[in-house]
Amino acid sequence: MTATTTPRPPLPSFTRETAAQKVRLAEDAWNTRDPQRVALAYTVDTVWRNRAEFPVGRAQVQAFLERKWARELDYRLIKELWAHDGHRIAVRFAYEWRDDAGNWFRSYGNENWEFDDLGYMHRRLASINDKPITAQDRKFHWPQGRRPDDHPGLTELGL
């Protein structure tokens, strides 16, 4: 089996529990900031809308992520399940990052995801807004990598 035929659980049709698991797995992967690893969660012909960029296929997604994380330093992300139905999941998220001049931002957004039968994301539509914040306003303080299980989520943080 190749990476595109090996199931990637949890699989659709999603329940609330399996949709929440899929969201946390995506959050964990994105917090690695490993473009190659993250890109493997998408179909080879995945279609994205992310701000003003529209990558198609894993190679373009990986290149997009490489550019993203070269610019968005000290990136920390929290995702939260919003809704689910069948092969689709809606997510809200926030992430904090700084630019190379030391300016901090919190980016807020929503994503609509659509999965194939094997659990790979075929479509990702994201809408994102950036808010400048001070270093003192940051709320995401865990060490680089996976958000600790005891760290509050978006709802608990009032975001």
N, C-alpha and C. Protein backbone atom coordinates (compact mmCIF):
# COMPACT_ATOMS: atom_id res chain seq x y z
N MET A 1 0.83 -1.19 0.00
CA MET A 1 0.00 0.00 0.00
C MET A 1 0.87 1.24 0.00
N THR A 2 0.42 2.26 -0.71
CA THR A 2 1.14 3.53 -0.71
C THR A 2 0.52 4.46 0.33
N ALA A 3 1.14 5.60 0.52
CA ALA A 3 0.64 6.55 1.52
C ALA A 3 -0.77 7.02 1.20
N THR A 4 -1.19 6.92 -0.07
CA THR A 4 -2.53 7.39 -0.42
C THR A 4 -3.57 6.29 -0.35
N THR A 5 -3.17 5.04 -0.11
CA THR A 5 -4.15 3.96 0.01
C THR A 5 -4.18 3.36 1.40
N THR A 6 -3.26 3.77 2.25
CA THR A 6 -3.26 3.33 3.64
C THR A 6 -4.27 4.19 4.40
N PRO A 7 -5.24 3.57 5.05
CA PRO A 7 -6.22 4.38 5.79
C PRO A 7 -5.55 5.28 6.83
N ARG A 8 -6.14 6.44 7.03
CA ARG A 8 -5.63 7.43 7.97
C ARG A 8 -6.74 7.75 8.97
N PRO A 9 -6.92 6.86 9.98
CA PRO A 9 -8.02 7.05 10.92
C PRO A 9 -7.83 8.28 11.79
N PRO A 10 -8.93 8.75 12.38
CA PRO A 10 -10.29 8.23 12.23
C PRO A 10 -10.85 8.51 10.83
N LEU A 11 -11.74 7.62 10.41
CA LEU A 11 -12.29 7.67 9.06
C LEU A 11 -13.71 8.22 9.06
N PRO A 12 -14.11 8.82 7.94
CA PRO A 12 -15.51 9.22 7.81
C PRO A 12 -16.38 7.95 7.72
N SER A 13 -17.56 8.06 8.05
CA SER A 13 -18.39 9.16 8.43
C SER A 13 -18.12 9.48 9.90
N PHE A 14 -17.89 10.77 10.19
CA PHE A 14 -17.43 11.16 11.51
C PHE A 14 -18.56 11.26 12.53
N THR A 15 -18.26 10.82 13.74
CA THR A 15 -19.08 11.09 14.90
C THR A 15 -18.48 12.32 15.58
N ARG A 16 -19.14 12.84 16.59
CA ARG A 16 -18.56 13.98 17.31
C ARG A 16 -17.19 13.60 17.89
N GLU A 17 -17.10 12.40 18.44
CA GLU A 17 -15.84 11.95 19.04
C GLU A 17 -14.74 11.79 18.00
N THR A 18 -15.03 11.14 16.87
CA THR A 18 -13.98 10.92 15.87
C THR A 18 -13.62 12.22 15.15
N ALA A 19 -14.58 13.12 14.99
CA ALA A 19 -14.27 14.43 14.40
C ALA A 19 -13.33 15.20 15.32
N ALA A 20 -13.60 15.18 16.62
CA ALA A 20 -12.73 15.87 17.58
C ALA A 20 -11.33 15.24 17.58
N GLN A 21 -11.25 13.93 17.43
CA GLN A 21 -9.93 13.27 17.34
C GLN A 21 -9.19 13.73 16.10
N LYS A 22 -9.89 13.82 14.97
CA LYS A 22 -9.27 14.26 13.72
C LYS A 22 -8.75 15.68 13.86
N VAL A 23 -9.51 16.54 14.53
CA VAL A 23 -9.10 17.93 14.74
C VAL A 23 -7.82 17.98 15.59
N ARG A 24 -7.80 17.20 16.66
CA ARG A 24 -6.61 17.22 17.53
C ARG A 24 -5.39 16.66 16.80
N LEU A 25 -5.57 15.63 16.00
CA LEU A 25 -4.45 15.09 15.23
C LEU A 25 -3.90 16.13 14.26
N ALA A 26 -4.80 16.89 13.64
CA ALA A 26 -4.35 17.95 12.73
C ALA A 26 -3.60 19.04 13.50
N GLU A 27 -4.14 19.44 14.65
CA GLU A 27 -3.46 20.44 15.47
C GLU A 27 -2.06 19.96 15.85
N ASP A 28 -1.98 18.72 16.31
CA ASP A 28 -0.68 18.18 16.72
C ASP A 28 0.31 18.19 15.57
N ALA A 29 -0.14 17.79 14.39
CA ALA A 29 0.76 17.75 13.22
C ALA A 29 1.23 19.16 12.86
N TRP A 30 0.30 20.12 12.81
CA TRP A 30 0.68 21.48 12.45
C TRP A 30 1.63 22.08 13.49
N ASN A 31 1.50 21.72 14.74
CA ASN A 31 2.41 22.25 15.77
C ASN A 31 3.81 21.68 15.67
N THR A 32 4.02 20.62 14.88
CA THR A 32 5.38 20.15 14.62
C THR A 32 6.12 21.10 13.69
N ARG A 33 5.37 21.86 12.91
CA ARG A 33 5.91 22.73 11.87
C ARG A 33 6.80 21.95 10.90
N ASP A 34 6.42 20.71 10.61
CA ASP A 34 7.13 19.86 9.67
C ASP A 34 6.30 19.78 8.39
N PRO A 35 6.63 20.58 7.38
CA PRO A 35 5.80 20.64 6.17
C PRO A 35 5.61 19.29 5.48
N GLN A 36 6.63 18.47 5.46
CA GLN A 36 6.51 17.17 4.80
C GLN A 36 5.53 16.27 5.55
N ARG A 37 5.65 16.22 6.87
CA ARG A 37 4.74 15.40 7.67
C ARG A 37 3.30 15.89 7.53
N VAL A 38 3.10 17.20 7.62
CA VAL A 38 1.75 17.75 7.54
C VAL A 38 1.14 17.46 6.18
N ALA A 39 1.90 17.62 5.11
CA ALA A 39 1.38 17.43 3.75
C ALA A 39 0.88 16.00 3.53
N LEU A 40 1.43 15.03 4.23
CA LEU A 40 1.01 13.64 4.05
C LEU A 40 -0.41 13.36 4.52
N ALA A 41 -1.03 14.29 5.26
CA ALA A 41 -2.41 14.11 5.71
C ALA A 41 -3.42 14.45 4.62
N TYR A 42 -2.93 14.96 3.49
CA TYR A 42 -3.81 15.43 2.41
C TYR A 42 -3.71 14.50 1.21
N THR A 43 -4.79 14.46 0.42
CA THR A 43 -4.76 13.65 -0.80
C THR A 43 -3.71 14.22 -1.75
N VAL A 44 -3.23 13.40 -2.67
CA VAL A 44 -2.21 13.87 -3.61
C VAL A 44 -2.74 15.00 -4.48
N ASP A 45 -4.07 15.05 -4.66
CA ASP A 45 -4.69 16.10 -5.47
C ASP A 45 -5.48 17.10 -4.62
N THR A 46 -5.10 17.26 -3.37
CA THR A 46 -5.81 18.15 -2.46
C THR A 46 -5.96 19.55 -3.05
N VAL A 47 -7.04 20.21 -2.67
CA VAL A 47 -7.34 21.57 -3.13
C VAL A 47 -7.50 22.44 -1.90
N TRP A 48 -6.76 23.55 -1.87
CA TRP A 48 -6.79 24.46 -0.72
C TRP A 48 -7.19 25.86 -1.15
N ARG A 49 -7.77 26.57 -0.19
CA ARG A 49 -7.89 28.03 -0.26
C ARG A 49 -7.38 28.53 1.07
N ASN A 50 -6.30 29.28 1.05
CA ASN A 50 -5.69 29.81 2.28
C ASN A 50 -5.28 31.25 2.02
N ARG A 51 -6.07 32.18 2.56
CA ARG A 51 -5.86 33.61 2.31
C ARG A 51 -5.88 33.83 0.80
N ALA A 52 -4.80 34.37 0.24
CA ALA A 52 -4.76 34.64 -1.20
C ALA A 52 -4.04 33.55 -1.98
N GLU A 53 -3.75 32.42 -1.34
CA GLU A 53 -3.06 31.32 -2.02
C GLU A 53 -4.01 30.15 -2.21
N PHE A 54 -3.84 29.46 -3.33
CA PHE A 54 -4.71 28.35 -3.70
C PHE A 54 -3.88 27.14 -4.13
N PRO A 55 -3.13 26.54 -3.19
CA PRO A 55 -2.31 25.39 -3.56
C PRO A 55 -3.18 24.20 -3.99
N VAL A 56 -2.66 23.45 -4.95
CA VAL A 56 -3.31 22.23 -5.40
C VAL A 56 -2.25 21.12 -5.37
N GLY A 57 -2.55 20.05 -4.68
CA GLY A 57 -1.64 18.91 -4.59
C GLY A 57 -0.66 19.03 -3.43
N ARG A 58 -0.17 17.87 -3.02
CA ARG A 58 0.73 17.82 -1.86
C ARG A 58 1.99 18.64 -2.03
N ALA A 59 2.58 18.62 -3.23
CA ALA A 59 3.84 19.35 -3.43
C ALA A 59 3.64 20.84 -3.20
N GLN A 60 2.54 21.40 -3.72
CA GLN A 60 2.27 22.82 -3.52
C GLN A 60 1.92 23.11 -2.06
N VAL A 61 1.23 22.19 -1.40
CA VAL A 61 0.91 22.37 0.02
C VAL A 61 2.20 22.38 0.84
N GLN A 62 3.09 21.46 0.56
CA GLN A 62 4.36 21.42 1.29
C GLN A 62 5.16 22.70 1.08
N ALA A 63 5.22 23.19 -0.15
CA ALA A 63 5.95 24.44 -0.43
C ALA A 63 5.29 25.62 0.29
N PHE A 64 3.96 25.64 0.30
CA PHE A 64 3.23 26.68 1.03
C PHE A 64 3.60 26.67 2.50
N LEU A 65 3.59 25.47 3.11
CA LEU A 65 3.89 25.35 4.54
C LEU A 65 5.34 25.74 4.85
N GLU A 66 6.26 25.41 3.95
CA GLU A 66 7.65 25.81 4.14
C GLU A 66 7.77 27.33 4.20
N ARG A 67 7.09 28.03 3.28
CA ARG A 67 7.11 29.50 3.28
C ARG A 67 6.44 30.05 4.53
N LYS A 68 5.30 29.45 4.89
CA LYS A 68 4.53 29.91 6.05
C LYS A 68 5.39 29.88 7.31
N TRP A 69 6.00 28.74 7.60
CA TRP A 69 6.72 28.60 8.86
C TRP A 69 8.09 29.24 8.83
N ALA A 70 8.59 29.61 7.67
CA ALA A 70 9.81 30.42 7.61
C ALA A 70 9.50 31.86 8.02
N ARG A 71 8.24 32.28 7.81
CA ARG A 71 7.81 33.65 8.12
C ARG A 71 7.16 33.75 9.49
N GLU A 72 6.38 32.75 9.88
CA GLU A 72 5.64 32.77 11.14
C GLU A 72 6.45 32.02 12.20
N LEU A 73 7.24 32.77 12.96
CA LEU A 73 8.17 32.19 13.93
C LEU A 73 7.47 31.94 15.26
N ASP A 74 7.99 31.00 16.02
CA ASP A 74 7.44 30.65 17.34
C ASP A 74 5.94 30.34 17.28
N TYR A 75 5.56 29.66 16.22
CA TYR A 75 4.17 29.31 15.93
C TYR A 75 3.60 28.34 16.96
N ARG A 76 2.42 28.66 17.49
CA ARG A 76 1.66 27.79 18.40
C ARG A 76 0.20 27.86 17.98
N LEU A 77 -0.44 26.71 17.80
CA LEU A 77 -1.78 26.61 17.23
C LEU A 77 -2.72 25.84 18.15
N ILE A 78 -3.97 26.31 18.24
CA ILE A 78 -5.03 25.55 18.88
C ILE A 78 -6.20 25.48 17.90
N LYS A 79 -6.71 24.27 17.67
CA LYS A 79 -7.88 24.05 16.82
C LYS A 79 -9.01 23.54 17.70
N GLU A 80 -10.25 23.81 17.29
CA GLU A 80 -11.41 23.34 18.03
C GLU A 80 -12.49 22.94 17.03
N LEU A 81 -13.09 21.79 17.28
CA LEU A 81 -14.20 21.32 16.45
C LEU A 81 -15.36 22.30 16.54
N TRP A 82 -15.92 22.66 15.40
CA TRP A 82 -17.09 23.52 15.35
C TRP A 82 -18.32 22.71 14.98
N ALA A 83 -18.20 21.89 13.91
CA ALA A 83 -19.32 21.07 13.45
C ALA A 83 -18.78 19.94 12.59
N HIS A 84 -19.62 18.93 12.36
CA HIS A 84 -19.22 17.82 11.49
C HIS A 84 -20.46 17.22 10.86
N ASP A 85 -20.26 16.59 9.70
CA ASP A 85 -21.34 15.89 9.02
C ASP A 85 -20.72 14.99 7.96
N GLY A 86 -20.91 13.69 8.11
CA GLY A 86 -20.41 12.77 7.11
C GLY A 86 -18.90 12.84 6.93
N HIS A 87 -18.47 13.31 5.75
CA HIS A 87 -17.06 13.42 5.39
C HIS A 87 -16.50 14.82 5.64
N ARG A 88 -17.28 15.67 6.29
CA ARG A 88 -16.87 17.07 6.46
C ARG A 88 -16.74 17.44 7.94
N ILE A 89 -15.77 18.34 8.19
CA ILE A 89 -15.55 18.87 9.53
C ILE A 89 -15.33 20.38 9.39
N ALA A 90 -15.95 21.15 10.27
CA ALA A 90 -15.70 22.59 10.35
C ALA A 90 -14.94 22.85 11.65
N VAL A 91 -13.92 23.69 11.56
CA VAL A 91 -13.00 23.94 12.66
C VAL A 91 -12.84 25.45 12.83
N ARG A 92 -12.68 25.86 14.09
CA ARG A 92 -12.20 27.22 14.35
C ARG A 92 -10.84 27.08 15.00
N PHE A 93 -10.01 28.09 14.81
CA PHE A 93 -8.65 27.98 15.34
C PHE A 93 -8.10 29.36 15.65
N ALA A 94 -7.03 29.35 16.42
CA ALA A 94 -6.22 30.54 16.66
C ALA A 94 -4.78 30.08 16.78
N TYR A 95 -3.88 30.89 16.27
CA TYR A 95 -2.46 30.61 16.48
C TYR A 95 -1.73 31.90 16.74
N GLU A 96 -0.65 31.78 17.50
CA GLU A 96 0.19 32.92 17.81
C GLU A 96 1.55 32.71 17.15
N TRP A 97 2.12 33.82 16.72
CA TRP A 97 3.41 33.78 16.04
C TRP A 97 4.02 35.18 16.06
N ARG A 98 5.30 35.23 15.74
CA ARG A 98 5.97 36.53 15.62
C ARG A 98 6.70 36.58 14.29
N ASP A 99 6.89 37.80 13.82
CA ASP A 99 7.68 37.97 12.60
C ASP A 99 9.15 38.15 12.97
N ASP A 100 10.01 38.28 11.97
CA ASP A 100 11.45 38.37 12.25
C ASP A 100 11.84 39.71 12.88
N ALA A 101 10.92 40.66 12.94
CA ALA A 101 11.18 41.93 13.64
C ALA A 101 10.72 41.88 15.10
N GLY A 102 10.16 40.73 15.52
CA GLY A 102 9.73 40.58 16.90
C GLY A 102 8.30 41.01 17.17
N ASN A 103 7.54 41.32 16.14
CA ASN A 103 6.13 41.71 16.30
C ASN A 103 5.27 40.45 16.45
N TRP A 104 4.42 40.44 17.48
CA TRP A 104 3.57 39.29 17.75
C TRP A 104 2.18 39.46 17.14
N PHE A 105 1.59 38.33 16.76
CA PHE A 105 0.26 38.30 16.17
C PHE A 105 -0.51 37.11 16.71
N ARG A 106 -1.82 37.27 16.77
CA ARG A 106 -2.71 36.13 16.96
C ARG A 106 -3.59 36.08 15.71
N SER A 107 -3.55 34.95 15.05
CA SER A 107 -4.34 34.76 13.83
C SER A 107 -5.54 33.90 14.19
N TYR A 108 -6.71 34.38 13.80
CA TYR A 108 -7.97 33.68 14.06
C TYR A 108 -8.52 33.18 12.74
N GLY A 109 -9.18 32.02 12.77
CA GLY A 109 -9.75 31.57 11.53
C GLY A 109 -10.73 30.43 11.67
N ASN A 110 -11.29 30.11 10.53
CA ASN A 110 -12.21 28.98 10.37
C ASN A 110 -11.74 28.17 9.17
N GLU A 111 -11.91 26.87 9.28
CA GLU A 111 -11.58 25.98 8.18
C GLU A 111 -12.76 25.05 7.93
N ASN A 112 -12.98 24.75 6.66
CA ASN A 112 -13.91 23.70 6.26
C ASN A 112 -13.08 22.61 5.61
N TRP A 113 -13.24 21.41 6.12
CA TRP A 113 -12.46 20.27 5.63
C TRP A 113 -13.39 19.24 5.00
N GLU A 114 -12.91 18.61 3.93
CA GLU A 114 -13.63 17.48 3.33
C GLU A 114 -12.64 16.34 3.12
N PHE A 115 -13.02 15.14 3.55
CA PHE A 115 -12.14 13.98 3.55
C PHE A 115 -12.59 12.94 2.53
N ASP A 116 -11.61 12.17 2.05
CA ASP A 116 -11.96 11.01 1.22
C ASP A 116 -12.28 9.84 2.15
N ASP A 117 -12.66 8.71 1.57
CA ASP A 117 -13.06 7.56 2.37
C ASP A 117 -11.94 7.00 3.24
N LEU A 118 -10.69 7.24 2.86
CA LEU A 118 -9.55 6.72 3.61
C LEU A 118 -9.07 7.66 4.71
N GLY A 119 -9.73 8.80 4.87
CA GLY A 119 -9.39 9.72 5.95
C GLY A 119 -8.37 10.79 5.59
N TYR A 120 -8.06 10.93 4.29
CA TYR A 120 -7.17 12.00 3.84
C TYR A 120 -8.00 13.23 3.51
N MET A 121 -7.48 14.40 3.83
CA MET A 121 -8.21 15.62 3.55
C MET A 121 -8.06 15.97 2.07
N HIS A 122 -9.19 16.05 1.40
CA HIS A 122 -9.18 16.39 -0.02
C HIS A 122 -9.35 17.90 -0.25
N ARG A 123 -10.10 18.54 0.62
CA ARG A 123 -10.35 19.97 0.44
C ARG A 123 -10.18 20.67 1.79
N ARG A 124 -9.48 21.83 1.74
CA ARG A 124 -9.30 22.66 2.94
C ARG A 124 -9.53 24.11 2.53
N LEU A 125 -10.59 24.69 3.08
CA LEU A 125 -10.94 26.08 2.79
C LEU A 125 -10.77 26.86 4.08
N ALA A 126 -9.85 27.82 4.09
CA ALA A 126 -9.52 28.56 5.31
C ALA A 126 -9.75 30.05 5.13
N SER A 127 -10.32 30.66 6.15
CA SER A 127 -10.46 32.11 6.23
C SER A 127 -9.74 32.54 7.50
N ILE A 128 -8.81 33.51 7.38
CA ILE A 128 -7.92 33.84 8.49
C ILE A 128 -7.77 35.36 8.60
N ASN A 129 -7.76 35.84 9.85
CA ASN A 129 -7.51 37.25 10.15
C ASN A 129 -6.38 37.33 11.18
N ASP A 130 -5.50 38.31 11.00
CA ASP A 130 -4.38 38.51 11.90
C ASP A 130 -4.64 39.72 12.79
N LYS A 131 -4.36 39.56 14.08
CA LYS A 131 -4.49 40.67 15.03
C LYS A 131 -3.13 40.89 15.68
N PRO A 132 -2.56 42.08 15.55
CA PRO A 132 -1.31 42.36 16.28
C PRO A 132 -1.57 42.29 17.78
N ILE A 133 -0.65 41.68 18.51
CA ILE A 133 -0.73 41.60 19.98
C ILE A 133 0.65 41.94 20.54
N THR A 134 0.69 42.22 21.83
CA THR A 134 1.98 42.41 22.48
C THR A 134 2.45 41.06 23.01
N ALA A 135 3.72 40.97 23.31
CA ALA A 135 4.24 39.74 23.89
C ALA A 135 3.52 39.41 25.19
N GLN A 136 3.12 40.43 25.94
CA GLN A 136 2.41 40.23 27.21
C GLN A 136 0.99 39.69 27.00
N ASP A 137 0.41 39.90 25.82
CA ASP A 137 -0.94 39.42 25.51
C ASP A 137 -0.98 37.97 25.06
N ARG A 138 0.18 37.37 24.87
CA ARG A 138 0.21 35.98 24.41
C ARG A 138 -0.46 35.06 25.42
N LYS A 139 -1.12 34.02 24.91
CA LYS A 139 -1.78 33.04 25.76
C LYS A 139 -1.26 31.62 25.53
N PHE A 140 -0.48 31.43 24.49
CA PHE A 140 0.01 30.10 24.11
C PHE A 140 1.49 30.00 24.48
N HIS A 141 1.78 29.45 25.66
CA HIS A 141 3.14 29.48 26.18
C HIS A 141 3.82 28.12 26.31
N TRP A 142 3.25 27.07 25.77
CA TRP A 142 3.89 25.76 25.92
C TRP A 142 5.14 25.68 25.05
N PRO A 143 6.05 24.74 25.38
CA PRO A 143 7.25 24.57 24.55
C PRO A 143 6.86 24.18 23.12
N GLN A 144 7.71 24.50 22.17
CA GLN A 144 7.44 24.19 20.77
C GLN A 144 7.02 22.73 20.63
N GLY A 145 6.00 22.49 19.84
CA GLY A 145 5.51 21.14 19.61
C GLY A 145 4.06 21.00 20.06
N ARG A 146 3.70 19.77 20.40
CA ARG A 146 2.32 19.44 20.76
C ARG A 146 1.84 20.24 21.97
N ARG A 147 0.62 20.76 21.88
CA ARG A 147 0.01 21.46 23.02
C ARG A 147 -0.25 20.45 24.13
N PRO A 148 0.20 20.73 25.34
CA PRO A 148 -0.06 19.79 26.45
C PRO A 148 -1.55 19.58 26.67
N ASP A 149 -1.91 18.38 27.08
CA ASP A 149 -3.32 18.05 27.30
C ASP A 149 -3.97 18.94 28.35
N ASP A 150 -3.20 19.43 29.31
CA ASP A 150 -3.79 20.27 30.36
C ASP A 150 -3.80 21.76 30.01
N HIS A 151 -3.32 22.12 28.81
CA HIS A 151 -3.37 23.52 28.39
C HIS A 151 -4.79 23.84 27.93
N PRO A 152 -5.36 24.96 28.34
CA PRO A 152 -6.73 25.30 27.93
C PRO A 152 -6.88 25.40 26.42
N GLY A 153 -8.08 25.07 25.96
CA GLY A 153 -8.43 25.23 24.55
C GLY A 153 -8.97 26.63 24.31
N LEU A 154 -9.47 26.85 23.09
CA LEU A 154 -9.97 28.17 22.72
C LEU A 154 -11.13 28.63 23.58
N THR A 155 -12.08 27.74 23.82
CA THR A 155 -13.25 28.12 24.62
C THR A 155 -12.83 28.51 26.02
N GLU A 156 -11.97 27.71 26.64
CA GLU A 156 -11.51 27.98 28.00
C GLU A 156 -10.71 29.29 28.09
N LEU A 157 -10.02 29.64 27.00
CA LEU A 157 -9.23 30.87 26.97
C LEU A 157 -10.07 32.09 26.59
N GLY A 158 -11.33 31.87 26.28
CA GLY A 158 -12.19 32.97 25.90
C GLY A 158 -11.91 33.50 24.50
N LEU A 159 -11.34 32.66 23.67
CA LEU A 159 -11.01 33.06 22.30
C LEU A 159 -12.02 32.46 21.34
